[in-house]
Amino acid sequence: MRYGGAIACLCLVAVALSGCSESEEQVAAEVRPVLSVVAGPRANEPGTGFTGAVEAKMNIEIGFRLLGRITTRAVDVGDVVKAGQVLMTLDTTSLELAVRQAEADLASAKAKLELADVNARRQATLLKTQATTRERLEEAEQTAEAAEATVRQKEADLTKAREQTSYASIIAETDGVVSAVNAEVGQVVAAGQSVVTIARLEALDAVIDVPDTLKALQALGTDYEIILLSNPDVKAKGRVREVAPEADAATRTRRTKIALDTPDPSFRLGSTIMAKPVEAVESSIWLPESAVGIDKDGAFFVWVIDREKSAATRRAVDVSKAHSGGYDIVSGLQAGERVASAGVNSLSENQIVSLTDETAR
């Protein structure tokens, strides 16, 4: 019996020790080491900028003034054109027939006018000898006046028909470069339909997309240095002249146009450029991509770490993609708060954490 009791005691002790070990392991498992960063604005680093392209400040879309079938096209995309140069023409067969008809109608109207004038003069002569009545003379004079009005109408019709014929050709109204051709020979186009776009060269813009969070870089008049990427030694100065009223729904950026000040001839239409703000500015709160999680509904969140409790709390945030990587925090987080920067999908609410690498930016 003594031997059996001793064995039972040893078993109880072993079970108790095993339970303590499991409890200690469970407590230890609840503390998770994490990397973290302090939320705060990131200064616009020297050398950073926005990639864009050179575009014309003014683009002129040209179309025919009447319906017709295109017979000739004299330009291609990229061609340099001069003011007065013919760009496209329409089939003029029906227009020329309209001119001939108008000429015939005018000749007929003139013949009727001559006959009416002769009749009016004859009636005036007969009235002197009392061989006709005054009513017939007045009727003949009214007929002559109506014939004269008809002649003026037919002259206007002929002028209009000839003018319509001139609309069969579209002519460049200014010097520039053909940036788009929207119709081909044989195609029937409607009146007013754009068939050629000409970019004027006297004023150029550098067009970039600026994150919506960088309000200071979107302000009108902000100075930029524009660098030609094909030859970084070629640079120009510019100022913001136009900003899109709404941000792009996907990228959360605003199309920004920078007017170039006396650019080098190397800045050609379509050239790729880098636009750098002359003065550095601070952005909104920024976090690396690893610090921001996305739930199954597509909402963004971060784990905010309470320094006193060493606990992680999940918080929803609104973000926009930063142009140089990571996320700009639009709302939901304040500068100075510490958030987990790795393993955001493996933490749980009120998870006890240990800060193994407190990286403050």
Protein backbone atom coordinates (compact mmCIF):
# COMPACT_ATOMS: atom_id res chain seq x y z
CA MET A 1 0.00 0.00 0.00
CA ARG A 2 2.82 2.34 0.86
CA TYR A 3 4.46 1.59 -2.44
CA GLY A 4 1.20 2.26 -4.31
CA GLY A 5 0.62 5.54 -2.46
CA ALA A 6 4.10 6.76 -3.32
CA ILE A 7 3.52 6.05 -6.97
CA ALA A 8 0.20 7.95 -6.86
CA CYS A 9 1.89 10.95 -5.27
CA LEU A 10 4.59 10.97 -7.90
CA CYS A 11 1.94 10.92 -10.63
CA LEU A 12 0.08 13.83 -9.08
CA VAL A 13 3.29 15.84 -8.84
CA ALA A 14 4.11 15.09 -12.49
CA VAL A 15 0.65 16.14 -13.63
CA ALA A 16 0.88 19.38 -11.64
CA LEU A 17 4.30 20.20 -13.07
CA SER A 18 3.05 19.45 -16.58
CA GLY A 19 0.05 21.79 -16.11
CA CYS A 20 2.31 24.61 -14.91
CA SER A 21 4.56 24.16 -17.92
CA GLU A 22 1.62 24.33 -20.33
CA SER A 23 0.26 27.42 -18.57
CA GLU A 24 3.62 29.12 -18.78
CA GLU A 25 3.87 28.28 -22.49
CA GLN A 26 0.36 29.67 -23.09
CA VAL A 27 1.23 32.93 -21.34
CA ALA A 28 4.45 33.15 -23.28
CA ALA A 29 2.60 32.56 -26.56
CA GLU A 30 0.30 35.52 -25.92
CA VAL A 31 3.25 37.96 -26.13
CA ARG A 32 4.20 38.52 -29.76
CA PRO A 33 7.33 40.43 -30.80
CA VAL A 34 6.59 42.99 -33.52
CA LEU A 35 8.34 45.60 -35.60
CA SER A 36 6.82 49.08 -35.40
CA VAL A 37 7.04 52.58 -36.78
CA VAL A 38 5.91 55.96 -35.55
CA ALA A 39 3.25 57.52 -37.76
CA GLY A 40 4.21 60.94 -39.03
CA PRO A 41 4.71 63.08 -42.12
CA ARG A 42 7.50 62.20 -44.47
CA ALA A 43 9.41 65.14 -45.90
CA ASN A 44 9.64 65.37 -49.67
CA GLU A 45 13.16 64.09 -50.12
CA PRO A 46 15.57 65.90 -52.45
CA GLY A 47 15.69 64.21 -55.81
CA THR A 48 12.16 62.84 -55.67
CA GLY A 49 9.70 64.01 -58.25
CA PHE A 50 6.87 63.07 -60.55
CA THR A 51 7.20 61.49 -63.96
CA GLY A 52 5.11 63.00 -66.73
CA ALA A 53 5.10 64.07 -70.34
CA VAL A 54 5.26 67.23 -72.42
CA GLU A 55 1.97 68.30 -73.97
CA ALA A 56 0.78 71.33 -75.88
CA LYS A 57 -1.08 73.94 -73.90
CA MET A 58 -3.58 74.33 -76.73
CA ASN A 59 -4.93 71.58 -78.98
CA ILE A 60 -7.21 72.52 -81.86
CA GLU A 61 -9.68 69.94 -83.12
CA ILE A 62 -10.63 70.54 -86.74
CA GLY A 63 -13.61 69.14 -88.63
CA PHE A 64 -15.56 69.72 -91.83
CA ARG A 65 -18.52 72.08 -91.79
CA LEU A 66 -20.66 69.75 -93.83
CA LEU A 67 -21.43 66.08 -94.38
CA GLY A 68 -19.33 64.30 -96.98
CA ARG A 69 -16.94 61.53 -98.01
CA ILE A 70 -13.21 62.11 -97.56
CA THR A 71 -11.25 61.91 -100.81
CA THR A 72 -7.74 63.03 -99.76
CA ARG A 73 -5.72 63.19 -96.55
CA ALA A 74 -2.52 65.21 -96.75
CA VAL A 75 -1.13 64.79 -93.20
CA ASP A 76 -0.13 62.09 -90.73
CA VAL A 77 0.39 62.14 -86.98
CA GLY A 78 3.59 63.99 -86.16
CA ASP A 79 3.64 66.16 -89.28
CA VAL A 80 4.51 69.82 -88.82
CA VAL A 81 1.93 72.02 -90.56
CA LYS A 82 1.78 75.70 -91.43
CA ALA A 83 -1.18 78.05 -91.32
CA GLY A 84 -3.15 77.82 -94.59
CA GLN A 85 -2.02 74.27 -95.40
CA VAL A 86 -4.73 71.92 -96.74
CA LEU A 87 -5.21 68.93 -94.44
CA MET A 88 -8.15 66.97 -95.93
CA THR A 89 -10.73 67.30 -98.69
CA LEU A 90 -14.21 65.97 -99.35
CA ASP A 91 -15.88 64.77 -102.54
CA THR A 92 -17.19 67.94 -104.26
CA THR A 93 -19.40 66.36 -106.94
CA SER A 94 -22.70 67.28 -105.29
CA LEU A 95 -21.36 70.69 -104.30
CA GLU A 96 -20.34 71.52 -107.85
CA LEU A 97 -23.76 70.44 -109.11
CA ALA A 98 -25.34 72.76 -106.56
CA VAL A 99 -23.20 75.62 -107.88
CA ARG A 100 -24.26 74.91 -111.47
CA GLN A 101 -27.91 74.80 -110.46
CA ALA A 102 -27.54 78.10 -108.61
CA GLU A 103 -25.87 79.66 -111.67
CA ALA A 104 -28.72 78.44 -113.92
CA ASP A 105 -31.35 79.74 -111.50
CA LEU A 106 -29.63 83.13 -111.47
CA ALA A 107 -29.50 83.29 -115.28
CA SER A 108 -33.22 82.46 -115.47
CA ALA A 109 -34.05 85.10 -112.87
CA LYS A 110 -32.06 87.75 -114.78
CA ALA A 111 -33.89 86.88 -118.02
CA LYS A 112 -37.24 87.27 -116.28
CA LEU A 113 -36.11 90.59 -114.84
CA GLU A 114 -35.16 91.89 -118.29
CA LEU A 115 -38.56 90.85 -119.67
CA ALA A 116 -40.35 92.49 -116.74
CA ASP A 117 -38.39 95.73 -117.25
CA VAL A 118 -39.27 95.78 -120.98
CA ASN A 119 -42.95 95.20 -120.20
CA ALA A 120 -42.95 97.96 -117.57
CA ARG A 121 -41.39 100.45 -120.00
CA ARG A 122 -43.90 99.47 -122.73
CA GLN A 123 -46.82 100.02 -120.38
CA ALA A 124 -45.43 103.43 -119.44
CA THR A 125 -45.23 104.43 -123.13
CA LEU A 126 -48.76 103.19 -123.86
CA LEU A 127 -50.13 105.10 -120.90
CA LYS A 128 -48.90 108.37 -122.41
CA THR A 129 -51.13 107.76 -125.43
CA GLN A 130 -53.97 106.46 -123.28
CA ALA A 131 -53.57 103.03 -124.94
CA THR A 132 -53.40 101.26 -121.57
CA THR A 133 -54.53 101.80 -118.00
CA ARG A 134 -52.56 102.90 -114.94
CA GLU A 135 -53.48 99.61 -113.22
CA ARG A 136 -51.66 97.62 -115.90
CA LEU A 137 -48.62 99.88 -115.56
CA GLU A 138 -48.55 99.39 -111.80
CA GLU A 139 -48.93 95.65 -112.25
CA ALA A 140 -46.01 95.59 -114.70
CA GLU A 141 -43.83 97.64 -112.33
CA GLN A 142 -44.62 95.29 -109.41
CA THR A 143 -43.70 92.31 -111.59
CA ALA A 144 -40.39 93.97 -112.41
CA GLU A 145 -39.67 94.64 -108.71
CA ALA A 146 -40.46 91.02 -107.81
CA ALA A 147 -38.16 89.82 -110.61
CA GLU A 148 -35.39 92.05 -109.27
CA ALA A 149 -35.84 90.60 -105.75
CA THR A 150 -35.67 87.10 -107.20
CA VAL A 151 -32.37 87.96 -108.88
CA ARG A 152 -30.92 89.13 -105.55
CA GLN A 153 -32.09 85.88 -103.91
CA LYS A 154 -30.52 83.74 -106.63
CA GLU A 155 -27.28 85.70 -106.35
CA ALA A 156 -27.23 84.92 -102.63
CA ASP A 157 -27.94 81.24 -103.34
CA LEU A 158 -25.03 81.14 -105.77
CA THR A 159 -22.71 82.77 -103.24
CA LYS A 160 -23.79 80.24 -100.61
CA ALA A 161 -23.27 77.31 -102.98
CA ARG A 162 -19.77 78.51 -103.85
CA GLU A 163 -18.99 79.02 -100.15
CA GLN A 164 -20.20 75.50 -99.39
CA THR A 165 -17.74 74.23 -101.97
CA SER A 166 -14.92 75.91 -100.06
CA TYR A 167 -15.97 73.93 -96.96
CA ALA A 168 -14.96 70.74 -98.74
CA SER A 169 -11.37 71.42 -97.65
CA ILE A 170 -10.12 71.88 -94.10
CA ILE A 171 -7.15 74.17 -93.70
CA ALA A 172 -4.76 74.62 -90.79
CA GLU A 173 -5.52 77.90 -89.11
CA THR A 174 -2.23 77.98 -87.19
CA ASP A 175 1.25 76.48 -87.18
CA GLY A 176 1.62 73.30 -85.18
CA VAL A 177 2.05 69.54 -85.09
CA VAL A 178 -0.61 67.00 -86.01
CA SER A 179 -1.28 65.10 -82.78
CA ALA A 180 -4.23 62.99 -83.93
CA VAL A 181 -5.96 61.89 -87.14
CA ASN A 182 -9.46 60.53 -86.62
CA ALA A 183 -10.65 59.81 -90.16
CA GLU A 184 -9.39 58.09 -93.30
CA VAL A 185 -9.94 58.40 -97.04
CA GLY A 186 -13.30 56.96 -98.05
CA GLN A 187 -14.89 57.56 -94.68
CA VAL A 188 -18.12 59.55 -94.52
CA VAL A 189 -17.94 62.16 -91.78
CA ALA A 190 -20.61 64.33 -90.23
CA ALA A 191 -20.54 68.10 -90.04
CA GLY A 192 -18.48 69.21 -87.05
CA GLN A 193 -16.92 65.79 -86.45
CA SER A 194 -13.26 66.12 -85.37
CA VAL A 195 -10.97 64.60 -88.00
CA VAL A 196 -7.60 66.24 -87.24
CA THR A 197 -6.10 67.60 -84.01
CA ILE A 198 -3.30 70.15 -84.18
CA ALA A 199 -1.11 70.92 -81.17
CA ARG A 200 0.15 74.49 -81.11
CA LEU A 201 3.83 74.80 -80.25
CA GLU A 202 4.08 78.31 -78.87
CA ALA A 203 3.17 77.12 -75.32
CA LEU A 204 4.06 73.78 -73.71
CA ASP A 205 3.03 72.08 -70.47
CA ALA A 206 4.62 69.41 -68.33
CA VAL A 207 1.73 67.17 -67.27
CA ILE A 208 2.10 65.11 -64.08
CA ASP A 209 -0.12 63.32 -61.55
CA VAL A 210 0.28 64.57 -57.99
CA PRO A 211 -1.08 62.59 -54.99
CA ASP A 212 -4.16 64.20 -53.54
CA THR A 213 -2.50 64.35 -50.12
CA LEU A 214 0.23 66.71 -51.36
CA LYS A 215 -1.93 69.81 -51.45
CA ALA A 216 1.06 72.16 -51.33
CA LEU A 217 2.43 70.75 -54.59
CA GLN A 218 -0.92 71.33 -56.34
CA ALA A 219 -1.20 75.01 -55.50
CA LEU A 220 -1.35 77.30 -58.50
CA GLY A 221 1.96 79.05 -59.05
CA THR A 222 4.07 76.37 -57.33
CA ASP A 223 7.55 76.33 -58.87
CA TYR A 224 8.95 73.16 -60.42
CA GLU A 225 12.16 72.15 -62.09
CA ILE A 226 11.49 70.09 -65.22
CA ILE A 227 14.17 67.59 -66.28
CA LEU A 228 14.19 65.90 -69.69
CA LEU A 229 14.76 62.20 -68.94
CA SER A 230 16.33 61.49 -72.32
CA ASN A 231 18.98 64.12 -71.47
CA PRO A 232 19.03 65.03 -67.75
CA ASP A 233 21.33 67.96 -68.48
CA VAL A 234 18.45 69.72 -70.25
CA LYS A 235 16.21 71.44 -67.71
CA ALA A 236 13.50 74.09 -67.61
CA LYS A 237 11.55 76.04 -65.06
CA GLY A 238 7.79 75.92 -64.75
CA ARG A 239 4.83 76.86 -62.61
CA VAL A 240 1.56 75.07 -61.91
CA ARG A 241 -1.16 76.67 -64.03
CA GLU A 242 -3.98 74.13 -63.86
CA VAL A 243 -5.06 71.34 -61.48
CA ALA A 244 -7.84 68.81 -62.09
CA PRO A 245 -10.92 69.64 -59.96
CA GLU A 246 -11.31 66.01 -58.87
CA ALA A 247 -8.85 63.29 -57.95
CA ASP A 248 -8.71 60.07 -59.96
CA ALA A 249 -10.90 57.49 -58.24
CA ALA A 250 -8.32 54.70 -58.64
CA THR A 251 -4.99 56.42 -58.00
CA ARG A 252 -6.18 59.34 -55.83
CA THR A 253 -3.99 61.71 -57.83
CA ARG A 254 -4.81 64.97 -59.56
CA ARG A 255 -3.72 65.76 -63.11
CA THR A 256 -1.49 68.82 -62.78
CA LYS A 257 -0.28 70.99 -65.67
CA ILE A 258 2.93 73.00 -65.33
CA ALA A 259 3.54 75.80 -67.82
CA LEU A 260 7.12 75.64 -69.12
CA ASP A 261 9.05 78.89 -69.14
CA THR A 262 11.06 79.25 -72.41
CA PRO A 263 11.82 75.53 -72.74
CA ASP A 264 14.73 74.19 -74.76
CA PRO A 265 13.80 72.89 -78.25
CA SER A 266 14.64 69.42 -76.93
CA PHE A 267 11.34 69.48 -75.03
CA ARG A 268 9.24 67.99 -77.79
CA LEU A 269 5.63 66.85 -77.62
CA GLY A 270 5.39 63.52 -75.81
CA SER A 271 8.87 63.74 -74.25
CA THR A 272 9.11 62.05 -70.86
CA ILE A 273 10.09 64.42 -68.05
CA MET A 274 10.69 64.44 -64.32
CA ALA A 275 9.10 67.34 -62.41
CA LYS A 276 10.70 68.21 -59.07
CA PRO A 277 9.30 70.83 -56.70
CA VAL A 278 11.79 73.61 -56.08
CA GLU A 279 10.92 73.74 -52.37
CA ALA A 280 10.60 70.59 -50.27
CA VAL A 281 7.24 70.08 -48.57
CA GLU A 282 5.89 67.64 -46.05
CA SER A 283 3.29 65.11 -46.97
CA SER A 284 0.52 63.76 -44.81
CA ILE A 285 1.06 60.84 -42.44
CA TRP A 286 2.85 58.06 -44.29
CA LEU A 287 3.22 54.35 -43.50
CA PRO A 288 5.07 51.55 -45.29
CA GLU A 289 2.96 49.07 -47.16
CA SER A 290 3.71 46.32 -44.63
CA ALA A 291 2.06 48.37 -41.85
CA VAL A 292 -1.34 48.53 -43.55
CA GLY A 293 -3.67 45.54 -43.73
CA ILE A 294 -6.70 44.90 -45.91
CA ASP A 295 -9.67 42.92 -44.64
CA LYS A 296 -11.93 40.68 -46.71
CA ASP A 297 -14.25 43.60 -47.47
CA GLY A 298 -11.38 45.64 -48.92
CA ALA A 299 -11.19 48.07 -45.97
CA PHE A 300 -7.78 49.21 -44.73
CA PHE A 301 -6.64 48.95 -41.11
CA VAL A 302 -3.56 49.29 -38.89
CA TRP A 303 -2.58 47.92 -35.48
CA VAL A 304 -2.02 50.79 -33.04
CA ILE A 305 0.29 49.88 -30.16
CA ASP A 306 -0.45 51.23 -26.66
CA ARG A 307 2.99 51.82 -25.14
CA GLU A 308 1.73 51.61 -21.55
CA LYS A 309 -0.23 48.38 -21.99
CA SER A 310 2.03 46.94 -24.71
CA ALA A 311 -1.16 45.90 -26.48
CA ALA A 312 -2.17 46.13 -30.17
CA THR A 313 -5.56 47.58 -31.11
CA ARG A 314 -7.00 47.36 -34.59
CA ARG A 315 -8.13 50.65 -36.17
CA ALA A 316 -9.73 51.37 -39.56
CA VAL A 317 -8.00 54.03 -41.70
CA ASP A 318 -8.54 55.75 -45.04
CA VAL A 319 -5.47 55.65 -47.24
CA SER A 320 -4.22 56.61 -50.68
CA LYS A 321 -1.34 55.04 -52.55
CA ALA A 322 1.82 57.13 -52.13
CA HIS A 323 3.65 57.99 -55.35
CA SER A 324 6.98 56.68 -53.98
CA GLY A 325 5.60 53.55 -52.29
CA GLY A 326 3.62 52.86 -49.16
CA TYR A 327 0.44 54.65 -48.16
CA ASP A 328 -0.52 58.19 -47.26
CA ILE A 329 -2.99 58.13 -44.37
CA VAL A 330 -5.98 60.32 -45.15
CA SER A 331 -7.81 59.79 -41.85
CA GLY A 332 -7.99 57.48 -38.84
CA LEU A 333 -4.48 57.97 -37.48
CA GLN A 334 -2.61 60.81 -35.82
CA ALA A 335 1.04 61.73 -36.05
CA GLY A 336 3.11 60.29 -33.19
CA GLU A 337 1.09 57.10 -32.77
CA ARG A 338 3.06 53.86 -33.00
CA VAL A 339 1.79 51.10 -35.26
CA ALA A 340 2.94 47.59 -36.07
CA SER A 341 4.91 47.55 -39.28
CA ALA A 342 4.98 43.80 -39.96
CA GLY A 343 2.73 40.80 -39.43
CA VAL A 344 -0.46 42.83 -39.40
CA ASN A 345 -2.50 39.80 -40.49
CA SER A 346 -1.31 37.62 -37.58
CA LEU A 347 -2.25 39.93 -34.70
CA SER A 348 -5.48 39.86 -32.72
CA GLU A 349 -7.39 42.48 -30.77
CA ASN A 350 -5.59 43.51 -27.54
CA GLN A 351 -2.69 41.23 -28.43
CA ILE A 352 0.20 41.70 -25.99
CA VAL A 353 3.30 42.61 -27.98
CA SER A 354 6.95 43.33 -27.40
CA LEU A 355 8.69 45.99 -29.46
CA THR A 356 11.81 44.35 -30.75
CA ASP A 357 12.78 47.14 -33.12
CA GLU A 358 11.36 50.59 -32.45
CA THR A 359 12.12 52.30 -35.74
CA ALA A 360 11.22 55.98 -35.58
CA ARG A 361 11.32 57.97 -38.79
